[in-house]
Amino acid sequence: MKRTWKAGDTLHLRLPMALRVRPAQDDPATLSFFHGPVLPIPPDPATPLLLDAQMFDPDHEQEVRVIILPFYRIHYQRYAVY
């Protein structure tokens, strides 16, 4: 669709911020958590883009606390992304 834009025209863009979990392409046992276009998800408005989750560690057979932040907030930490 072609459009001639004029001064004062506005564009509204909605990016749904729903939670999505996707398996890694090379290893279906590895998961990625997405919140809209961002990794990861904000469960608490006071701490946006932070996920505090309980997950099961099968190697040690116990529940573990996992805190996940978006990559841009952990620039001072060691991490790996493929």
PDB file of N, CA and C in Angstrom:
ATOM      1  N   MET A   1       0.841  -1.183   0.000  1.00  0.00           N
ATOM      2  CA  MET A   1       0.000   0.000   0.000  1.00  0.00           C
ATOM      3  C   MET A   1       0.883   1.242   0.000  1.00  0.00           C
ATOM      4  N   LYS A   2       0.617   2.126  -0.926  1.00  0.00           N
ATOM      5  CA  LYS A   2       1.366   3.376  -1.001  1.00  0.00           C
ATOM      6  C   LYS A   2       0.614   4.455  -0.233  1.00  0.00           C
ATOM      7  N   ARG A   3       1.376   5.348   0.374  1.00  0.00           N
ATOM      8  CA  ARG A   3       0.775   6.431   1.138  1.00  0.00           C
ATOM      9  C   ARG A   3       1.678   7.648   1.036  1.00  0.00           C
ATOM     10  N   THR A   4       1.081   8.792   0.890  1.00  0.00           N
ATOM     11  CA  THR A   4       1.808  10.045   0.946  1.00  0.00           C
ATOM     12  C   THR A   4       1.644  10.614   2.348  1.00  0.00           C
ATOM     13  N   TRP A   5       2.747  10.678   3.101  1.00  0.00           N
ATOM     14  CA  TRP A   5       2.694  11.160   4.480  1.00  0.00           C
ATOM     15  C   TRP A   5       2.680  12.670   4.501  1.00  0.00           C
ATOM     16  N   LYS A   6       1.916  13.193   5.452  1.00  0.00           N
ATOM     17  CA  LYS A   6       1.811  14.645   5.622  1.00  0.00           C
ATOM     18  C   LYS A   6       2.252  15.008   7.034  1.00  0.00           C
ATOM     19  N   ALA A   7       2.626  16.252   7.243  1.00  0.00           N
ATOM     20  CA  ALA A   7       2.996  16.727   8.581  1.00  0.00           C
ATOM     21  C   ALA A   7       1.831  16.484   9.528  1.00  0.00           C
ATOM     22  N   GLY A   8       2.125  15.929  10.697  1.00  0.00           N
ATOM     23  CA  GLY A   8       1.088  15.658  11.681  1.00  0.00           C
ATOM     24  C   GLY A   8       0.541  14.243  11.627  1.00  0.00           C
ATOM     25  N   ASP A   9       0.847  13.492  10.556  1.00  0.00           N
ATOM     26  CA  ASP A   9       0.427  12.088  10.497  1.00  0.00           C
ATOM     27  C   ASP A   9       1.139  11.311  11.607  1.00  0.00           C
ATOM     28  N   THR A  10       0.457  10.332  12.132  1.00  0.00           N
ATOM     29  CA  THR A  10       1.060   9.497  13.174  1.00  0.00           C
ATOM     30  C   THR A  10       0.912   8.028  12.792  1.00  0.00           C
ATOM     31  N   LEU A  11       1.782   7.243  13.341  1.00  0.00           N
ATOM     32  CA  LEU A  11       1.768   5.809  13.124  1.00  0.00           C
ATOM     33  C   LEU A  11       1.779   5.136  14.491  1.00  0.00           C
ATOM     34  N   HIS A  12       0.862   4.220  14.709  1.00  0.00           N
ATOM     35  CA  HIS A  12       0.793   3.471  15.957  1.00  0.00           C
ATOM     36  C   HIS A  12       1.220   2.041  15.676  1.00  0.00           C
ATOM     37  N   LEU A  13       2.196   1.569  16.440  1.00  0.00           N
ATOM     38  CA  LEU A  13       2.716   0.219  16.277  1.00  0.00           C
ATOM     39  C   LEU A  13       2.529  -0.524  17.590  1.00  0.00           C
ATOM     40  N   ARG A  14       1.914  -1.685  17.513  1.00  0.00           N
ATOM     41  CA  ARG A  14       1.721  -2.518  18.703  1.00  0.00           C
ATOM     42  C   ARG A  14       2.595  -3.754  18.586  1.00  0.00           C
ATOM     43  N   LEU A  15       3.371  -3.999  19.625  1.00  0.00           N
ATOM     44  CA  LEU A  15       4.164  -5.208  19.711  1.00  0.00           C
ATOM     45  C   LEU A  15       3.634  -6.005  20.887  1.00  0.00           C
ATOM     46  N   PRO A  16       2.928  -7.080  20.644  1.00  0.00           N
ATOM     47  CA  PRO A  16       2.378  -7.858  21.753  1.00  0.00           C
ATOM     48  C   PRO A  16       3.488  -8.341  22.676  1.00  0.00           C
ATOM     49  N   MET A  17       3.282  -8.183  23.982  1.00  0.00           N
ATOM     50  CA  MET A  17       4.296  -8.553  24.956  1.00  0.00           C
ATOM     51  C   MET A  17       3.917  -9.855  25.650  1.00  0.00           C
ATOM     52  N   ALA A  18       3.449 -10.813  24.902  1.00  0.00           N
ATOM     53  CA  ALA A  18       3.058 -12.105  25.468  1.00  0.00           C
ATOM     54  C   ALA A  18       4.300 -12.967  25.709  1.00  0.00           C
ATOM     55  N   LEU A  19       4.191 -13.845  26.678  1.00  0.00           N
ATOM     56  CA  LEU A  19       5.264 -14.775  26.988  1.00  0.00           C
ATOM     57  C   LEU A  19       5.314 -15.871  25.936  1.00  0.00           C
ATOM     58  N   ARG A  20       6.519 -16.136  25.435  1.00  0.00           N
ATOM     59  CA  ARG A  20       6.728 -17.225  24.492  1.00  0.00           C
ATOM     60  C   ARG A  20       7.941 -18.022  24.948  1.00  0.00           C
ATOM     61  N   VAL A  21       7.856 -19.316  24.840  1.00  0.00           N
ATOM     62  CA  VAL A  21       8.983 -20.196  25.127  1.00  0.00           C
ATOM     63  C   VAL A  21       9.267 -20.970  23.855  1.00  0.00           C
ATOM     64  N   ARG A  22      10.497 -20.909  23.408  1.00  0.00           N
ATOM     65  CA  ARG A  22      10.873 -21.566  22.163  1.00  0.00           C
ATOM     66  C   ARG A  22      12.072 -22.475  22.401  1.00  0.00           C
ATOM     67  N   PRO A  23      12.065 -23.674  21.811  1.00  0.00           N
ATOM     68  CA  PRO A  23      13.251 -24.527  21.905  1.00  0.00           C
ATOM     69  C   PRO A  23      14.367 -23.987  21.022  1.00  0.00           C
ATOM     70  N   ALA A  24      15.609 -24.253  21.417  1.00  0.00           N
ATOM     71  CA  ALA A  24      16.748 -23.868  20.591  1.00  0.00           C
ATOM     72  C   ALA A  24      16.722 -24.684  19.300  1.00  0.00           C
ATOM     73  N   GLN A  25      17.173 -24.095  18.228  1.00  0.00           N
ATOM     74  CA  GLN A  25      17.135 -24.784  16.934  1.00  0.00           C
ATOM     75  C   GLN A  25      18.051 -25.993  16.904  1.00  0.00           C
ATOM     76  N   ASP A  26      19.174 -25.940  17.623  1.00  0.00           N
ATOM     77  CA  ASP A  26      20.114 -27.051  17.586  1.00  0.00           C
ATOM     78  C   ASP A  26      19.953 -28.031  18.736  1.00  0.00           C
ATOM     79  N   ASP A  27      19.111 -27.681  19.746  1.00  0.00           N
ATOM     80  CA  ASP A  27      18.920 -28.572  20.893  1.00  0.00           C
ATOM     81  C   ASP A  27      17.544 -28.335  21.496  1.00  0.00           C
ATOM     82  N   PRO A  28      16.555 -29.156  21.180  1.00  0.00           N
ATOM     83  CA  PRO A  28      15.200 -28.949  21.680  1.00  0.00           C
ATOM     84  C   PRO A  28      15.101 -28.996  23.211  1.00  0.00           C
ATOM     85  N   ALA A  29      16.119 -29.511  23.890  1.00  0.00           N
ATOM     86  CA  ALA A  29      16.098 -29.531  25.358  1.00  0.00           C
ATOM     87  C   ALA A  29      16.490 -28.186  25.958  1.00  0.00           C
ATOM     88  N   THR A  30      17.015 -27.265  25.145  1.00  0.00           N
ATOM     89  CA  THR A  30      17.388 -25.923  25.601  1.00  0.00           C
ATOM     90  C   THR A  30      16.293 -24.949  25.201  1.00  0.00           C
ATOM     91  N   LEU A  31      15.850 -24.128  26.156  1.00  0.00           N
ATOM     92  CA  LEU A  31      14.732 -23.218  25.910  1.00  0.00           C
ATOM     93  C   LEU A  31      15.153 -21.760  25.975  1.00  0.00           C
ATOM     94  N   SER A  32      14.448 -20.930  25.232  1.00  0.00           N
ATOM     95  CA  SER A  32      14.579 -19.478  25.301  1.00  0.00           C
ATOM     96  C   SER A  32      13.241 -18.906  25.723  1.00  0.00           C
ATOM     97  N   PHE A  33      13.263 -17.910  26.612  1.00  0.00           N
ATOM     98  CA  PHE A  33      12.054 -17.224  27.054  1.00  0.00           C
ATOM     99  C   PHE A  33      12.025 -15.853  26.403  1.00  0.00           C
ATOM    100  N   PHE A  34      10.912 -15.555  25.758  1.00  0.00           N
ATOM    101  CA  PHE A  34      10.736 -14.254  25.116  1.00  0.00           C
ATOM    102  C   PHE A  34       9.538 -13.549  25.720  1.00  0.00           C
ATOM    103  N   HIS A  35       9.656 -12.249  25.870  1.00  0.00           N
ATOM    104  CA  HIS A  35       8.518 -11.412  26.237  1.00  0.00           C
ATOM    105  C   HIS A  35       8.401 -10.386  25.139  1.00  0.00           C
ATOM    106  N   GLY A  36       7.471 -10.628  24.216  1.00  0.00           N
ATOM    107  CA  GLY A  36       7.408  -9.801  23.016  1.00  0.00           C
ATOM    108  C   GLY A  36       8.698  -9.985  22.243  1.00  0.00           C
ATOM    109  N   PRO A  37       9.337  -8.893  21.820  1.00  0.00           N
ATOM    110  CA  PRO A  37      10.594  -9.021  21.082  1.00  0.00           C
ATOM    111  C   PRO A  37      11.812  -9.123  21.989  1.00  0.00           C
ATOM    112  N   VAL A  38      11.606  -9.133  23.308  1.00  0.00           N
ATOM    113  CA  VAL A  38      12.717  -9.038  24.263  1.00  0.00           C
ATOM    114  C   VAL A  38      12.900 -10.342  25.020  1.00  0.00           C
ATOM    115  N   LEU A  39      14.155 -10.679  25.299  1.00  0.00           N
ATOM    116  CA  LEU A  39      14.493 -11.749  26.231  1.00  0.00           C
ATOM    117  C   LEU A  39      14.802 -11.081  27.555  1.00  0.00           C
ATOM    118  N   PRO A  40      14.233 -11.414  28.652  1.00  0.00           N
ATOM    119  CA  PRO A  40      13.124 -12.291  28.914  1.00  0.00           C
ATOM    120  C   PRO A  40      11.873 -11.516  29.293  1.00  0.00           C
ATOM    121  N   ILE A  41      11.240 -11.873  30.386  1.00  0.00           N
ATOM    122  CA  ILE A  41       9.858 -11.484  30.681  1.00  0.00           C
ATOM    123  C   ILE A  41       9.717 -10.732  32.001  1.00  0.00           C
ATOM    124  N   PRO A  42       8.791  -9.750  32.079  1.00  0.00           N
ATOM    125  CA  PRO A  42       8.621  -8.998  33.324  1.00  0.00           C
ATOM    126  C   PRO A  42       7.406  -9.461  34.127  1.00  0.00           C
ATOM    127  N   PRO A  43       7.579 -10.191  35.200  1.00  0.00           N
ATOM    128  CA  PRO A  43       6.427 -10.597  35.993  1.00  0.00           C
ATOM    129  C   PRO A  43       5.988  -9.539  36.993  1.00  0.00           C
ATOM    130  N   ASP A  44       6.847  -8.550  37.288  1.00  0.00           N
ATOM    131  CA  ASP A  44       6.574  -7.572  38.333  1.00  0.00           C
ATOM    132  C   ASP A  44       6.811  -6.165  37.781  1.00  0.00           C
ATOM    133  N   PRO A  45       5.816  -5.279  37.806  1.00  0.00           N
ATOM    134  CA  PRO A  45       6.004  -3.929  37.261  1.00  0.00           C
ATOM    135  C   PRO A  45       7.096  -3.134  37.967  1.00  0.00           C
ATOM    136  N   ALA A  46       7.398  -3.461  39.225  1.00  0.00           N
ATOM    137  CA  ALA A  46       8.445  -2.748  39.963  1.00  0.00           C
ATOM    138  C   ALA A  46       9.840  -3.115  39.463  1.00  0.00           C
ATOM    139  N   THR A  47       9.975  -4.278  38.848  1.00  0.00           N
ATOM    140  CA  THR A  47      11.265  -4.720  38.316  1.00  0.00           C
ATOM    141  C   THR A  47      11.078  -5.178  36.876  1.00  0.00           C
ATOM    142  N   PRO A  48      10.947  -4.225  35.949  1.00  0.00           N
ATOM    143  CA  PRO A  48      10.658  -4.603  34.569  1.00  0.00           C
ATOM    144  C   PRO A  48      11.773  -5.439  33.956  1.00  0.00           C
ATOM    145  N   LEU A  49      11.367  -6.358  33.124  1.00  0.00           N
ATOM    146  CA  LEU A  49      12.260  -7.229  32.375  1.00  0.00           C
ATOM    147  C   LEU A  49      13.159  -8.067  33.279  1.00  0.00           C
ATOM    148  N   LEU A  50      12.584  -8.584  34.347  1.00  0.00           N
ATOM    149  CA  LEU A  50      13.289  -9.506  35.226  1.00  0.00           C
ATOM    150  C   LEU A  50      12.389 -10.698  35.489  1.00  0.00           C
ATOM    151  N   LEU A  51      12.938 -11.887  35.363  1.00  0.00           N
ATOM    152  CA  LEU A  51      12.183 -13.099  35.630  1.00  0.00           C
ATOM    153  C   LEU A  51      12.834 -13.810  36.805  1.00  0.00           C
ATOM    154  N   ASP A  52      12.084 -14.031  37.849  1.00  0.00           N
ATOM    155  CA  ASP A  52      12.538 -14.777  39.015  1.00  0.00           C
ATOM    156  C   ASP A  52      11.735 -16.071  39.015  1.00  0.00           C
ATOM    157  N   ALA A  53      12.389 -17.177  38.716  1.00  0.00           N
ATOM    158  CA  ALA A  53      11.674 -18.429  38.519  1.00  0.00           C
ATOM    159  C   ALA A  53      12.275 -19.546  39.356  1.00  0.00           C
ATOM    160  N   GLN A  54      11.440 -20.522  39.663  1.00  0.00           N
ATOM    161  CA  GLN A  54      11.882 -21.755  40.287  1.00  0.00           C
ATOM    162  C   GLN A  54      11.925 -22.813  39.186  1.00  0.00           C
ATOM    163  N   MET A  55      13.042 -23.473  39.049  1.00  0.00           N
ATOM    164  CA  MET A  55      13.184 -24.506  38.036  1.00  0.00           C
ATOM    165  C   MET A  55      13.801 -25.748  38.671  1.00  0.00           C
ATOM    166  N   PHE A  56      13.573 -26.873  38.046  1.00  0.00           N
ATOM    167  CA  PHE A  56      14.103 -28.128  38.570  1.00  0.00           C
ATOM    168  C   PHE A  56      15.445 -28.442  37.926  1.00  0.00           C
ATOM    169  N   ASP A  57      16.453 -28.698  38.748  1.00  0.00           N
ATOM    170  CA  ASP A  57      17.779 -29.093  38.284  1.00  0.00           C
ATOM    171  C   ASP A  57      17.851 -30.617  38.307  1.00  0.00           C
ATOM    172  N   PRO A  58      17.755 -31.280  37.150  1.00  0.00           N
ATOM    173  CA  PRO A  58      17.731 -32.743  37.142  1.00  0.00           C
ATOM    174  C   PRO A  58      19.060 -33.371  37.559  1.00  0.00           C
ATOM    175  N   ASP A  59      20.176 -32.661  37.357  1.00  0.00           N
ATOM    176  CA  ASP A  59      21.471 -33.215  37.750  1.00  0.00           C
ATOM    177  C   ASP A  59      21.602 -33.350  39.264  1.00  0.00           C
ATOM    178  N   HIS A  60      21.049 -32.358  39.990  1.00  0.00           N
ATOM    179  CA  HIS A  60      21.127 -32.375  41.461  1.00  0.00           C
ATOM    180  C   HIS A  60      19.794 -32.760  42.104  1.00  0.00           C
ATOM    181  N   GLU A  61      18.795 -33.010  41.263  1.00  0.00           N
ATOM    182  CA  GLU A  61      17.464 -33.431  41.712  1.00  0.00           C
ATOM    183  C   GLU A  61      16.896 -32.506  42.788  1.00  0.00           C
ATOM    184  N   GLN A  62      16.898 -31.202  42.474  1.00  0.00           N
ATOM    185  CA  GLN A  62      16.341 -30.230  43.415  1.00  0.00           C
ATOM    186  C   GLN A  62      15.851 -28.992  42.662  1.00  0.00           C
ATOM    187  N   GLU A  63      14.972 -28.247  43.320  1.00  0.00           N
ATOM    188  CA  GLU A  63      14.511 -26.972  42.777  1.00  0.00           C
ATOM    189  C   GLU A  63      15.602 -25.923  42.979  1.00  0.00           C
ATOM    190  N   VAL A  64      15.774 -25.059  41.998  1.00  0.00           N
ATOM    191  CA  VAL A  64      16.748 -23.981  42.094  1.00  0.00           C
ATOM    192  C   VAL A  64      16.079 -22.671  41.695  1.00  0.00           C
ATOM    193  N   ARG A  65      16.529 -21.586  42.284  1.00  0.00           N
ATOM    194  CA  ARG A  65      16.032 -20.250  41.928  1.00  0.00           C
ATOM    195  C   ARG A  65      16.877 -19.727  40.775  1.00  0.00           C
ATOM    196  N   VAL A  66      16.201 -19.255  39.743  1.00  0.00           N
ATOM    197  CA  VAL A  66      16.877 -18.730  38.564  1.00  0.00           C
ATOM    198  C   VAL A  66      16.370 -17.314  38.319  1.00  0.00           C
ATOM    199  N   ILE A  67      17.282 -16.363  38.220  1.00  0.00           N
ATOM    200  CA  ILE A  67      16.919 -14.984  37.890  1.00  0.00           C
ATOM    201  C   ILE A  67      17.437 -14.711  36.485  1.00  0.00           C
ATOM    202  N   ILE A  68      16.526 -14.322  35.606  1.00  0.00           N
ATOM    203  CA  ILE A  68      16.870 -14.088  34.208  1.00  0.00           C
ATOM    204  C   ILE A  68      16.640 -12.615  33.896  1.00  0.00           C
ATOM    205  N   LEU A  69      17.638 -11.997  33.282  1.00  0.00           N
ATOM    206  CA  LEU A  69      17.572 -10.595  32.874  1.00  0.00           C
ATOM    207  C   LEU A  69      17.815 -10.497  31.381  1.00  0.00           C
ATOM    208  N   PRO A  70      17.380  -9.405  30.748  1.00  0.00           N
ATOM    209  CA  PRO A  70      17.705  -9.226  29.324  1.00  0.00           C
ATOM    210  C   PRO A  70      19.212  -9.016  29.158  1.00  0.00           C
ATOM    211  N   PHE A  71      19.717  -9.384  28.013  1.00  0.00           N
ATOM    212  CA  PHE A  71      21.151  -9.318  27.777  1.00  0.00           C
ATOM    213  C   PHE A  71      21.725  -7.924  27.997  1.00  0.00           C
ATOM    214  N   TYR A  72      21.003  -6.881  27.614  1.00  0.00           N
ATOM    215  CA  TYR A  72      21.553  -5.528  27.749  1.00  0.00           C
ATOM    216  C   TYR A  72      21.743  -5.113  29.203  1.00  0.00           C
ATOM    217  N   ARG A  73      21.094  -5.807  30.163  1.00  0.00           N
ATOM    218  CA  ARG A  73      21.255  -5.465  31.578  1.00  0.00           C
ATOM    219  C   ARG A  73      22.376  -6.254  32.254  1.00  0.00           C
ATOM    220  N   ILE A  74      23.012  -7.156  31.513  1.00  0.00           N
ATOM    221  CA  ILE A  74      24.084  -7.949  32.127  1.00  0.00           C
ATOM    222  C   ILE A  74      25.398  -7.770  31.371  1.00  0.00           C
ATOM    223  N   HIS A  75      25.647  -6.588  30.857  1.00  0.00           N
ATOM    224  CA  HIS A  75      26.846  -6.346  30.065  1.00  0.00           C
ATOM    225  C   HIS A  75      28.127  -6.560  30.863  1.00  0.00           C
ATOM    226  N   TYR A  76      28.054  -6.527  32.183  1.00  0.00           N
ATOM    227  CA  TYR A  76      29.234  -6.687  33.038  1.00  0.00           C
ATOM    228  C   TYR A  76      29.418  -8.150  33.487  1.00  0.00           C
ATOM    229  N   GLN A  77      28.546  -9.055  33.050  1.00  0.00           N
ATOM    230  CA  GLN A  77      28.614 -10.448  33.433  1.00  0.00           C
ATOM    231  C   GLN A  77      29.137 -11.293  32.270  1.00  0.00           C
ATOM    232  N   ARG A  78      29.625 -12.458  32.583  1.00  0.00           N
ATOM    233  CA  ARG A  78      29.980 -13.424  31.545  1.00  0.00           C
ATOM    234  C   ARG A  78      28.719 -14.169  31.126  1.00  0.00           C
ATOM    235  N   TYR A  79      28.517 -14.323  29.840  1.00  0.00           N
ATOM    236  CA  TYR A  79      27.367 -15.067  29.331  1.00  0.00           C
ATOM    237  C   TYR A  79      27.672 -15.531  27.923  1.00  0.00           C
ATOM    238  N   ALA A  80      26.867 -16.404  27.416  1.00  0.00           N
ATOM    239  CA  ALA A  80      27.032 -16.905  26.052  1.00  0.00           C
ATOM    240  C   ALA A  80      25.708 -16.811  25.318  1.00  0.00           C
ATOM    241  N   VAL A  81      25.783 -16.414  24.077  1.00  0.00           N
ATOM    242  CA  VAL A  81      24.614 -16.326  23.205  1.00  0.00           C
ATOM    243  C   VAL A  81      25.025 -16.928  21.873  1.00  0.00           C
ATOM    244  N   TYR A  82      24.115 -17.720  21.310  1.00  0.00           N
ATOM    245  CA  TYR A  82      24.446 -18.246  19.990  1.00  0.00           C
ATOM    246  C   TYR A  82      23.511 -17.649  18.980  1.00  0.00           C
TER     247      TYR A  82
END
